[in-house]
Amino acid sequence: MSKINCFTATIDPSLKDKLKADLTSQGFTLTHPPYTHFSAKKEGVSCTLYESGKLTVQGKEMGPFLEFYLEPEILKEFRYTHPEALLQLTPRIGMDEAGKGDFFGPLCIAALYADGGGIQELSKMGVRDSKSFSDQAILKLATELRKKYIYTVIRLFPLKYNELYAKFKNLNRLLGWAHVAALSDLIQKTGCAYAILDQFADKCVVEGFLKQKKLNIELEQRVRGEEDLVVAAASILARAAFLDGMKLLSEEYGMTIPKGASAQVKEVARKLVAQFGKDVLPKVSKTHFKTTKDVDTT
């Protein structure tokens, strides 16, 4: 079980009164901060139920409180204390991408395969959606994943990305092509016939490329697909590839290349153009972004 400092869940509003009564009987002291139904505290544990239905729990005694009361009595599942009981152990490929919303740097697509034992190991490693980790944690986890799992990562640095974007004229079509390319490679490596993709567009986009490749695969496209452990592992590999790519670009051009598409990104783009000329932009950035025009007109 991975250690967390704060547990969060959403509970059925009809359980509010039971929860309040149970906590009172367990010796909790209740207060009523703004935007909450109540906040309850006793030594080692505090929990707050918000008007939205969101419940947060924290404190050094959080574990026993969750395992022996909250999960069996309120949540009716053991997602925190016994996550292995809820695991879907069907061998599968998970797929995700990173860098598509960043002006600078590569677009990275990752596919990772895990069998039942591998899925259990992902749970023990504390794998979850890459957005919940710091960059340092991402790089560390990715190193472990690359040692233990079969995977494919496609990293399209800006020059290649811009060339492909000019061909596809649409980011979702480019993503669909890249995901299917990664999936095809991993199918050849593993023989796996089931995959889950974090859905990014209409399903027909990826399905069209699957038909072109004539791949024998059951592909499930899910919104919030990163909630699946294997997709989450792929998201970590994709994010790590993006971070490594940003580091390489920063080293090549002698300045820190920032993530995202913020005002700071525009400032660095102007510095790059001033130092290396406008021809530098296709080498470091996704030039179809509006940011390119903003930099060109200043």
C-alpha atoms as a PDB file:
ATOM      1  CA  MET A   1       0.000   0.000   0.000  1.00  0.00           C
ATOM      2  CA  SER A   2       1.485   3.324  -1.041  1.00  0.00           C
ATOM      3  CA  LYS A   3       1.667   5.973   1.660  1.00  0.00           C
ATOM      4  CA  ILE A   4      -0.262   9.187   1.216  1.00  0.00           C
ATOM      5  CA  ASN A   5      -0.622  12.159   3.535  1.00  0.00           C
ATOM      6  CA  CYS A   6      -4.245  12.919   2.759  1.00  0.00           C
ATOM      7  CA  PHE A   7      -7.054  10.599   1.682  1.00  0.00           C
ATOM      8  CA  THR A   8      -9.850  11.995  -0.499  1.00  0.00           C
ATOM      9  CA  ALA A   9     -13.154  10.440  -1.528  1.00  0.00           C
ATOM     10  CA  THR A  10     -16.629  11.506  -2.587  1.00  0.00           C
ATOM     11  CA  ILE A  11     -19.477  10.114  -0.501  1.00  0.00           C
ATOM     12  CA  ASP A  12     -23.199   9.745  -1.069  1.00  0.00           C
ATOM     13  CA  PRO A  13     -24.990  12.780   0.476  1.00  0.00           C
ATOM     14  CA  SER A  14     -27.479  10.423   2.150  1.00  0.00           C
ATOM     15  CA  LEU A  15     -24.623   9.152   4.373  1.00  0.00           C
ATOM     16  CA  LYS A  16     -23.867  12.603   5.807  1.00  0.00           C
ATOM     17  CA  ASP A  17     -25.958  12.195   8.979  1.00  0.00           C
ATOM     18  CA  LYS A  18     -24.671   8.671   9.667  1.00  0.00           C
ATOM     19  CA  LEU A  19     -21.075   9.840   9.261  1.00  0.00           C
ATOM     20  CA  LYS A  20     -21.679  12.774  11.586  1.00  0.00           C
ATOM     21  CA  ALA A  21     -23.321  10.609  14.244  1.00  0.00           C
ATOM     22  CA  ASP A  22     -20.633   7.915  14.017  1.00  0.00           C
ATOM     23  CA  LEU A  23     -17.805  10.423  14.371  1.00  0.00           C
ATOM     24  CA  THR A  24     -19.480  12.029  17.376  1.00  0.00           C
ATOM     25  CA  SER A  25     -19.838   8.628  19.043  1.00  0.00           C
ATOM     26  CA  GLN A  26     -16.144   7.933  18.334  1.00  0.00           C
ATOM     27  CA  GLY A  27     -15.090  11.017  20.273  1.00  0.00           C
ATOM     28  CA  PHE A  28     -14.520  13.455  17.417  1.00  0.00           C
ATOM     29  CA  THR A  29     -15.056  17.157  18.026  1.00  0.00           C
ATOM     30  CA  LEU A  30     -17.123  18.765  15.267  1.00  0.00           C
ATOM     31  CA  THR A  31     -16.919  22.286  13.886  1.00  0.00           C
ATOM     32  CA  HIS A  32     -18.576  23.896  10.865  1.00  0.00           C
ATOM     33  CA  PRO A  33     -16.117  25.877   8.691  1.00  0.00           C
ATOM     34  CA  PRO A  34     -17.469  27.681   5.611  1.00  0.00           C
ATOM     35  CA  TYR A  35     -18.440  25.499   2.617  1.00  0.00           C
ATOM     36  CA  THR A  36     -18.462  22.324   4.723  1.00  0.00           C
ATOM     37  CA  HIS A  37     -21.101  20.139   6.308  1.00  0.00           C
ATOM     38  CA  PHE A  38     -18.653  19.713   9.173  1.00  0.00           C
ATOM     39  CA  SER A  39     -15.030  19.182  10.146  1.00  0.00           C
ATOM     40  CA  ALA A  40     -14.221  16.517  12.733  1.00  0.00           C
ATOM     41  CA  LYS A  41     -11.057  16.093  14.777  1.00  0.00           C
ATOM     42  CA  LYS A  42      -9.623  13.888  17.455  1.00  0.00           C
ATOM     43  CA  GLU A  43      -6.081  12.891  18.322  1.00  0.00           C
ATOM     44  CA  GLY A  44      -4.321  11.521  15.257  1.00  0.00           C
ATOM     45  CA  VAL A  45      -7.168  11.979  12.767  1.00  0.00           C
ATOM     46  CA  SER A  46      -9.054  14.859  11.200  1.00  0.00           C
ATOM     47  CA  CYS A  47     -11.668  14.740   8.465  1.00  0.00           C
ATOM     48  CA  THR A  48     -13.748  17.313   6.646  1.00  0.00           C
ATOM     49  CA  LEU A  49     -16.924  16.775   4.647  1.00  0.00           C
ATOM     50  CA  TYR A  50     -17.461  19.558   2.113  1.00  0.00           C
ATOM     51  CA  GLU A  51     -20.802  20.660   0.711  1.00  0.00           C
ATOM     52  CA  SER A  52     -19.740  19.155  -2.625  1.00  0.00           C
ATOM     53  CA  GLY A  53     -19.654  15.696  -1.030  1.00  0.00           C
ATOM     54  CA  LYS A  54     -15.862  15.583  -1.026  1.00  0.00           C
ATOM     55  CA  LEU A  55     -14.411  14.037   2.132  1.00  0.00           C
ATOM     56  CA  THR A  56     -10.783  14.496   3.173  1.00  0.00           C
ATOM     57  CA  VAL A  57      -9.003  12.552   5.915  1.00  0.00           C
ATOM     58  CA  GLN A  58      -5.515  13.075   7.293  1.00  0.00           C
ATOM     59  CA  GLY A  59      -3.380  12.462  10.363  1.00  0.00           C
ATOM     60  CA  LYS A  60      -0.994   9.823  11.696  1.00  0.00           C
ATOM     61  CA  GLU A  61      -3.880   7.503  12.639  1.00  0.00           C
ATOM     62  CA  MET A  62      -5.556   7.889   9.242  1.00  0.00           C
ATOM     63  CA  GLY A  63      -4.776   4.301   8.167  1.00  0.00           C
ATOM     64  CA  PRO A  64      -6.630   2.466  10.958  1.00  0.00           C
ATOM     65  CA  PHE A  65      -9.528   4.943  10.759  1.00  0.00           C
ATOM     66  CA  LEU A  66      -9.928   4.219   7.045  1.00  0.00           C
ATOM     67  CA  GLU A  67      -9.476   0.464   7.301  1.00  0.00           C
ATOM     68  CA  PHE A  68     -11.679  -0.251  10.297  1.00  0.00           C
ATOM     69  CA  TYR A  69     -14.378   2.388   9.937  1.00  0.00           C
ATOM     70  CA  LEU A  70     -14.573   4.582   6.844  1.00  0.00           C
ATOM     71  CA  GLU A  71     -14.069   1.934   4.161  1.00  0.00           C
ATOM     72  CA  PRO A  72     -16.301  -0.844   5.567  1.00  0.00           C
ATOM     73  CA  GLU A  73     -19.019   1.432   6.993  1.00  0.00           C
ATOM     74  CA  ILE A  74     -19.210   4.360   4.563  1.00  0.00           C
ATOM     75  CA  LEU A  75     -17.323   3.722   1.334  1.00  0.00           C
ATOM     76  CA  LYS A  76     -18.095  -0.024   1.115  1.00  0.00           C
ATOM     77  CA  GLU A  77     -14.800  -0.676  -0.640  1.00  0.00           C
ATOM     78  CA  PHE A  78     -11.131  -0.989   0.316  1.00  0.00           C
ATOM     79  CA  ARG A  79      -9.528   1.106  -2.416  1.00  0.00           C
ATOM     80  CA  TYR A  80      -6.971   2.635  -0.021  1.00  0.00           C
ATOM     81  CA  THR A  81      -6.102  -0.115   2.452  1.00  0.00           C
ATOM     82  CA  HIS A  82      -6.441  -3.124   0.130  1.00  0.00           C
ATOM     83  CA  PRO A  83      -6.189  -1.789  -3.430  1.00  0.00           C
ATOM     84  CA  GLU A  84      -5.002  -5.160  -4.708  1.00  0.00           C
ATOM     85  CA  ALA A  85      -8.502  -6.565  -4.144  1.00  0.00           C
ATOM     86  CA  LEU A  86      -9.869  -4.146  -6.734  1.00  0.00           C
ATOM     87  CA  LEU A  87      -7.243  -4.650  -9.398  1.00  0.00           C
ATOM     88  CA  GLN A  88      -8.253  -5.703 -12.888  1.00  0.00           C
ATOM     89  CA  LEU A  89      -5.523  -8.236 -13.693  1.00  0.00           C
ATOM     90  CA  THR A  90      -6.268  -8.838 -17.383  1.00  0.00           C
ATOM     91  CA  PRO A  91      -2.948  -8.537 -19.289  1.00  0.00           C
ATOM     92  CA  ARG A  92      -3.043  -5.379 -21.383  1.00  0.00           C
ATOM     93  CA  ILE A  93      -1.265  -2.507 -23.049  1.00  0.00           C
ATOM     94  CA  GLY A  94      -1.790   1.006 -21.703  1.00  0.00           C
ATOM     95  CA  MET A  95      -1.170   4.135 -23.801  1.00  0.00           C
ATOM     96  CA  ASP A  96      -0.851   7.846 -23.130  1.00  0.00           C
ATOM     97  CA  GLU A  97       1.015  10.926 -24.368  1.00  0.00           C
ATOM     98  CA  ALA A  98       2.784  14.014 -23.028  1.00  0.00           C
ATOM     99  CA  GLY A  99       3.847  17.357 -24.451  1.00  0.00           C
ATOM    100  CA  LYS A 100       0.892  18.065 -26.731  1.00  0.00           C
ATOM    101  CA  GLY A 101      -0.020  21.256 -24.868  1.00  0.00           C
ATOM    102  CA  ASP A 102       3.544  22.536 -24.530  1.00  0.00           C
ATOM    103  CA  PHE A 103       4.866  25.039 -27.071  1.00  0.00           C
ATOM    104  CA  PHE A 104       8.454  23.906 -26.630  1.00  0.00           C
ATOM    105  CA  GLY A 105       9.753  20.382 -26.726  1.00  0.00           C
ATOM    106  CA  PRO A 106       8.751  17.008 -28.127  1.00  0.00           C
ATOM    107  CA  LEU A 107       5.471  15.177 -28.357  1.00  0.00           C
ATOM    108  CA  CYS A 108       5.919  11.858 -26.568  1.00  0.00           C
ATOM    109  CA  ILE A 109       3.729   8.766 -26.904  1.00  0.00           C
ATOM    110  CA  ALA A 110       4.178   5.748 -24.651  1.00  0.00           C
ATOM    111  CA  ALA A 111       2.733   2.248 -24.633  1.00  0.00           C
ATOM    112  CA  LEU A 112       3.440  -0.209 -21.805  1.00  0.00           C
ATOM    113  CA  TYR A 113       2.490  -3.876 -21.387  1.00  0.00           C
ATOM    114  CA  ALA A 114       1.729  -5.542 -18.057  1.00  0.00           C
ATOM    115  CA  ASP A 115       0.409  -8.988 -17.207  1.00  0.00           C
ATOM    116  CA  GLY A 116      -1.432  -9.812 -13.972  1.00  0.00           C
ATOM    117  CA  GLY A 117       1.705  -9.963 -11.845  1.00  0.00           C
ATOM    118  CA  GLY A 118       3.010  -6.793 -13.457  1.00  0.00           C
ATOM    119  CA  ILE A 119      -0.247  -4.982 -12.668  1.00  0.00           C
ATOM    120  CA  GLN A 120       0.040  -5.999  -9.017  1.00  0.00           C
ATOM    121  CA  GLU A 121       3.601  -4.678  -9.022  1.00  0.00           C
ATOM    122  CA  LEU A 122       2.421  -1.347 -10.466  1.00  0.00           C
ATOM    123  CA  SER A 123       0.032  -1.057  -7.526  1.00  0.00           C
ATOM    124  CA  LYS A 124       2.802  -1.776  -5.030  1.00  0.00           C
ATOM    125  CA  MET A 125       5.003   0.841  -6.715  1.00  0.00           C
ATOM    126  CA  GLY A 126       2.312   3.457  -6.117  1.00  0.00           C
ATOM    127  CA  VAL A 127       1.804   4.125  -9.826  1.00  0.00           C
ATOM    128  CA  ARG A 128      -0.939   6.628 -10.676  1.00  0.00           C
ATOM    129  CA  ASP A 129      -1.574   9.372 -13.230  1.00  0.00           C
ATOM    130  CA  SER A 130       1.665  11.210 -14.018  1.00  0.00           C
ATOM    131  CA  LYS A 131       0.033  14.606 -13.313  1.00  0.00           C
ATOM    132  CA  SER A 132      -0.020  13.737  -9.604  1.00  0.00           C
ATOM    133  CA  PHE A 133       3.797  13.414  -9.395  1.00  0.00           C
ATOM    134  CA  SER A 134       6.626  15.934  -9.299  1.00  0.00           C
ATOM    135  CA  ASP A 135       9.084  15.919 -12.215  1.00  0.00           C
ATOM    136  CA  GLN A 136      11.727  14.322  -9.997  1.00  0.00           C
ATOM    137  CA  ALA A 137       9.360  11.527  -8.948  1.00  0.00           C
ATOM    138  CA  ILE A 138       8.349  10.954 -12.568  1.00  0.00           C
ATOM    139  CA  LEU A 139      11.955  10.441 -13.662  1.00  0.00           C
ATOM    140  CA  LYS A 140      12.624   8.045 -10.776  1.00  0.00           C
ATOM    141  CA  LEU A 141       9.496   5.980 -11.416  1.00  0.00           C
ATOM    142  CA  ALA A 142      10.152   5.877 -15.148  1.00  0.00           C
ATOM    143  CA  THR A 143      13.602   4.410 -14.514  1.00  0.00           C
ATOM    144  CA  GLU A 144      12.007   1.563 -12.534  1.00  0.00           C
ATOM    145  CA  LEU A 145       9.314   0.986 -15.154  1.00  0.00           C
ATOM    146  CA  ARG A 146      11.850   0.770 -17.961  1.00  0.00           C
ATOM    147  CA  LYS A 147      13.736  -1.914 -16.007  1.00  0.00           C
ATOM    148  CA  LYS A 148      10.695  -4.084 -15.290  1.00  0.00           C
ATOM    149  CA  TYR A 149       8.279  -3.733 -18.219  1.00  0.00           C
ATOM    150  CA  ILE A 150       8.074  -4.100 -21.978  1.00  0.00           C
ATOM    151  CA  TYR A 151       7.294  -0.726 -23.489  1.00  0.00           C
ATOM    152  CA  THR A 152       7.537   1.500 -26.556  1.00  0.00           C
ATOM    153  CA  VAL A 153       8.136   5.252 -26.475  1.00  0.00           C
ATOM    154  CA  ILE A 154       7.921   7.469 -29.551  1.00  0.00           C
ATOM    155  CA  ARG A 155       9.461  10.907 -29.062  1.00  0.00           C
ATOM    156  CA  LEU A 156       8.860  13.440 -31.825  1.00  0.00           C
ATOM    157  CA  PHE A 157      11.215  16.385 -31.443  1.00  0.00           C
ATOM    158  CA  PRO A 158       9.983  19.663 -32.968  1.00  0.00           C
ATOM    159  CA  LEU A 159      11.563  19.311 -36.433  1.00  0.00           C
ATOM    160  CA  LYS A 160       9.933  15.909 -36.970  1.00  0.00           C
ATOM    161  CA  TYR A 161       6.747  16.964 -35.189  1.00  0.00           C
ATOM    162  CA  ASN A 162       6.320  20.012 -37.429  1.00  0.00           C
ATOM    163  CA  GLU A 163       6.972  17.931 -40.524  1.00  0.00           C
ATOM    164  CA  LEU A 164       4.285  15.429 -39.491  1.00  0.00           C
ATOM    165  CA  TYR A 165       1.841  18.141 -38.465  1.00  0.00           C
ATOM    166  CA  ALA A 166       2.162  19.669 -41.941  1.00  0.00           C
ATOM    167  CA  LYS A 167       1.267  16.257 -43.354  1.00  0.00           C
ATOM    168  CA  PHE A 168      -1.694  15.494 -41.074  1.00  0.00           C
ATOM    169  CA  LYS A 169      -2.828  19.121 -40.634  1.00  0.00           C
ATOM    170  CA  ASN A 170      -4.512  18.128 -37.380  1.00  0.00           C
ATOM    171  CA  LEU A 171      -3.087  17.298 -33.950  1.00  0.00           C
ATOM    172  CA  ASN A 172      -5.587  14.531 -33.202  1.00  0.00           C
ATOM    173  CA  ARG A 173      -4.782  12.762 -36.460  1.00  0.00           C
ATOM    174  CA  LEU A 174      -1.084  13.043 -35.705  1.00  0.00           C
ATOM    175  CA  LEU A 175      -1.687  11.646 -32.220  1.00  0.00           C
ATOM    176  CA  GLY A 176      -3.816   8.828 -33.616  1.00  0.00           C
ATOM    177  CA  TRP A 177      -1.089   7.838 -36.077  1.00  0.00           C
ATOM    178  CA  ALA A 178       1.602   7.940 -33.374  1.00  0.00           C
ATOM    179  CA  HIS A 179      -0.427   5.929 -30.846  1.00  0.00           C
ATOM    180  CA  VAL A 180      -1.147   3.235 -33.389  1.00  0.00           C
ATOM    181  CA  ALA A 181       2.527   3.128 -34.371  1.00  0.00           C
ATOM    182  CA  ALA A 182       3.514   2.602 -30.715  1.00  0.00           C
ATOM    183  CA  LEU A 183       0.739   0.047 -30.244  1.00  0.00           C
ATOM    184  CA  SER A 184       1.772  -1.885 -33.350  1.00  0.00           C
ATOM    185  CA  ASP A 185       5.351  -2.109 -32.096  1.00  0.00           C
ATOM    186  CA  LEU A 186       4.285  -3.353 -28.665  1.00  0.00           C
ATOM    187  CA  ILE A 187       1.870  -5.912 -30.108  1.00  0.00           C
ATOM    188  CA  GLN A 188       4.793  -7.349 -32.073  1.00  0.00           C
ATOM    189  CA  LYS A 189       6.895  -7.484 -28.894  1.00  0.00           C
ATOM    190  CA  THR A 190       4.233  -9.043 -26.664  1.00  0.00           C
ATOM    191  CA  GLY A 191       1.458 -10.603 -28.730  1.00  0.00           C
ATOM    192  CA  CYS A 192      -1.049  -8.828 -26.474  1.00  0.00           C
ATOM    193  CA  ALA A 193      -4.517  -8.409 -27.993  1.00  0.00           C
ATOM    194  CA  TYR A 194      -6.081  -5.913 -25.533  1.00  0.00           C
ATOM    195  CA  ALA A 195      -5.186  -2.259 -24.995  1.00  0.00           C
ATOM    196  CA  ILE A 196      -6.549   0.800 -23.200  1.00  0.00           C
ATOM    197  CA  LEU A 197      -5.957   4.324 -24.482  1.00  0.00           C
ATOM    198  CA  ASP A 198      -6.554   7.572 -22.636  1.00  0.00           C
ATOM    199  CA  GLN A 199      -9.107   8.971 -25.097  1.00  0.00           C
ATOM    200  CA  PHE A 200      -8.104  12.306 -26.651  1.00  0.00           C
ATOM    201  CA  ALA A 201     -10.488  12.584 -29.634  1.00  0.00           C
ATOM    202  CA  ASP A 202     -13.434  10.926 -31.321  1.00  0.00           C
ATOM    203  CA  LYS A 203     -12.847   7.165 -31.288  1.00  0.00           C
ATOM    204  CA  CYS A 204     -12.999   6.956 -35.073  1.00  0.00           C
ATOM    205  CA  VAL A 205      -9.688   8.853 -35.346  1.00  0.00           C
ATOM    206  CA  VAL A 206      -7.651   6.026 -33.817  1.00  0.00           C
ATOM    207  CA  GLU A 207      -9.881   3.314 -35.244  1.00  0.00           C
ATOM    208  CA  GLY A 208      -9.118   4.578 -38.748  1.00  0.00           C
ATOM    209  CA  PHE A 209      -5.396   4.137 -38.247  1.00  0.00           C
ATOM    210  CA  LEU A 210      -5.972   0.692 -36.682  1.00  0.00           C
ATOM    211  CA  LYS A 211      -7.764  -0.404 -39.856  1.00  0.00           C
ATOM    212  CA  GLN A 212      -4.924   0.904 -42.000  1.00  0.00           C
ATOM    213  CA  LYS A 213      -2.440  -1.135 -39.956  1.00  0.00           C
ATOM    214  CA  LYS A 214      -4.774  -4.182 -39.896  1.00  0.00           C
ATOM    215  CA  LEU A 215      -3.987  -4.726 -36.227  1.00  0.00           C
ATOM    216  CA  ASN A 216      -5.684  -7.604 -34.415  1.00  0.00           C
ATOM    217  CA  ILE A 217      -6.382  -5.776 -31.165  1.00  0.00           C
ATOM    218  CA  GLU A 218      -9.302  -4.984 -28.866  1.00  0.00           C
ATOM    219  CA  LEU A 219      -8.795  -1.294 -28.135  1.00  0.00           C
ATOM    220  CA  GLU A 220     -10.750   0.434 -25.384  1.00  0.00           C
ATOM    221  CA  GLN A 221     -10.645   4.238 -25.533  1.00  0.00           C
ATOM    222  CA  ARG A 222     -11.505   5.719 -22.139  1.00  0.00           C
ATOM    223  CA  VAL A 223     -12.039   9.261 -20.930  1.00  0.00           C
ATOM    224  CA  ARG A 224      -9.782   9.609 -17.869  1.00  0.00           C
ATOM    225  CA  GLY A 225      -8.056   6.436 -19.010  1.00  0.00           C
ATOM    226  CA  GLU A 226      -5.116   7.249 -16.725  1.00  0.00           C
ATOM    227  CA  GLU A 227      -7.245   5.924 -13.849  1.00  0.00           C
ATOM    228  CA  ASP A 228      -6.217   2.500 -15.165  1.00  0.00           C
ATOM    229  CA  LEU A 229      -2.875   1.439 -13.675  1.00  0.00           C
ATOM    230  CA  VAL A 230      -1.309   0.370 -16.965  1.00  0.00           C
ATOM    231  CA  VAL A 231      -2.344   3.592 -18.713  1.00  0.00           C
ATOM    232  CA  ALA A 232      -0.985   5.513 -15.708  1.00  0.00           C
ATOM    233  CA  ALA A 233       2.346   3.716 -16.093  1.00  0.00           C
ATOM    234  CA  ALA A 234       2.403   4.678 -19.772  1.00  0.00           C
ATOM    235  CA  SER A 235       1.647   8.288 -18.807  1.00  0.00           C
ATOM    236  CA  ILE A 236       4.709   8.253 -16.547  1.00  0.00           C
ATOM    237  CA  LEU A 237       6.956   6.980 -19.354  1.00  0.00           C
ATOM    238  CA  ALA A 238       5.581   9.581 -21.759  1.00  0.00           C
ATOM    239  CA  ARG A 239       6.078  12.389 -19.250  1.00  0.00           C
ATOM    240  CA  ALA A 240       9.619  11.259 -18.457  1.00  0.00           C
ATOM    241  CA  ALA A 241      10.467  11.196 -22.176  1.00  0.00           C
ATOM    242  CA  PHE A 242       9.121  14.745 -22.484  1.00  0.00           C
ATOM    243  CA  LEU A 243      11.142  15.968 -19.479  1.00  0.00           C
ATOM    244  CA  ASP A 244      14.310  14.353 -20.848  1.00  0.00           C
ATOM    245  CA  GLY A 245      13.639  15.967 -24.218  1.00  0.00           C
ATOM    246  CA  MET A 246      13.228  19.397 -22.623  1.00  0.00           C
ATOM    247  CA  LYS A 247      16.518  18.913 -20.803  1.00  0.00           C
ATOM    248  CA  LEU A 248      18.288  18.072 -24.060  1.00  0.00           C
ATOM    249  CA  LEU A 249      16.914  21.203 -25.754  1.00  0.00           C
ATOM    250  CA  SER A 250      17.871  23.366 -22.777  1.00  0.00           C
ATOM    251  CA  GLU A 251      21.424  22.038 -22.887  1.00  0.00           C
ATOM    252  CA  GLU A 252      21.670  22.469 -26.661  1.00  0.00           C
ATOM    253  CA  TYR A 253      20.599  26.122 -26.610  1.00  0.00           C
ATOM    254  CA  GLY A 254      22.234  27.123 -23.340  1.00  0.00           C
ATOM    255  CA  MET A 255      19.090  28.303 -21.526  1.00  0.00           C
ATOM    256  CA  THR A 256      16.251  26.753 -19.558  1.00  0.00           C
ATOM    257  CA  ILE A 257      13.408  25.888 -21.949  1.00  0.00           C
ATOM    258  CA  PRO A 258      10.137  26.159 -19.980  1.00  0.00           C
ATOM    259  CA  LYS A 259       7.090  23.898 -20.132  1.00  0.00           C
ATOM    260  CA  GLY A 260       3.575  25.018 -21.047  1.00  0.00           C
ATOM    261  CA  ALA A 261       2.484  28.003 -23.125  1.00  0.00           C
ATOM    262  CA  SER A 262       2.725  30.885 -20.651  1.00  0.00           C
ATOM    263  CA  ALA A 263       4.072  34.435 -20.833  1.00  0.00           C
ATOM    264  CA  GLN A 264       7.422  33.024 -19.701  1.00  0.00           C
ATOM    265  CA  VAL A 265       7.373  30.691 -22.714  1.00  0.00           C
ATOM    266  CA  LYS A 266       6.889  33.657 -25.059  1.00  0.00           C
ATOM    267  CA  GLU A 267       9.740  35.505 -23.357  1.00  0.00           C
ATOM    268  CA  VAL A 268      12.128  32.579 -23.836  1.00  0.00           C
ATOM    269  CA  ALA A 269      10.973  32.184 -27.452  1.00  0.00           C
ATOM    270  CA  ARG A 270      11.867  35.833 -28.108  1.00  0.00           C
ATOM    271  CA  LYS A 271      15.288  35.311 -26.516  1.00  0.00           C
ATOM    272  CA  LEU A 272      15.914  32.283 -28.714  1.00  0.00           C
ATOM    273  CA  VAL A 273      14.918  34.201 -31.842  1.00  0.00           C
ATOM    274  CA  ALA A 274      17.108  37.147 -30.842  1.00  0.00           C
ATOM    275  CA  GLN A 275      20.094  34.863 -30.302  1.00  0.00           C
ATOM    276  CA  PHE A 276      19.659  32.264 -33.052  1.00  0.00           C
ATOM    277  CA  GLY A 277      17.265  33.849 -35.564  1.00  0.00           C
ATOM    278  CA  LYS A 278      13.683  32.897 -36.490  1.00  0.00           C
ATOM    279  CA  ASP A 279      14.824  29.622 -38.012  1.00  0.00           C
ATOM    280  CA  VAL A 280      15.315  28.327 -34.475  1.00  0.00           C
ATOM    281  CA  LEU A 281      11.584  28.087 -33.741  1.00  0.00           C
ATOM    282  CA  PRO A 282      10.847  24.987 -35.869  1.00  0.00           C
ATOM    283  CA  LYS A 283      13.769  23.282 -34.120  1.00  0.00           C
ATOM    284  CA  VAL A 284      12.537  23.896 -30.581  1.00  0.00           C
ATOM    285  CA  SER A 285       8.771  24.443 -30.767  1.00  0.00           C
ATOM    286  CA  LYS A 286       5.454  23.325 -32.211  1.00  0.00           C
ATOM    287  CA  THR A 287       5.049  26.081 -34.754  1.00  0.00           C
ATOM    288  CA  HIS A 288       1.293  25.709 -35.325  1.00  0.00           C
ATOM    289  CA  PHE A 289       0.730  27.122 -31.810  1.00  0.00           C
ATOM    290  CA  LYS A 290      -0.588  30.682 -31.632  1.00  0.00           C
ATOM    291  CA  THR A 291       2.549  31.480 -29.619  1.00  0.00           C
ATOM    292  CA  THR A 292       4.554  31.426 -32.864  1.00  0.00           C
ATOM    293  CA  LYS A 293       2.518  34.297 -34.319  1.00  0.00           C
ATOM    294  CA  ASP A 294       2.761  36.196 -31.034  1.00  0.00           C
ATOM    295  CA  VAL A 295       6.558  35.928 -31.144  1.00  0.00           C
ATOM    296  CA  ASP A 296       6.739  36.798 -34.874  1.00  0.00           C
ATOM    297  CA  THR A 297       4.706  39.995 -34.429  1.00  0.00           C
ATOM    298  CA  THR A 298       6.804  41.443 -31.591  1.00  0.00           C
END
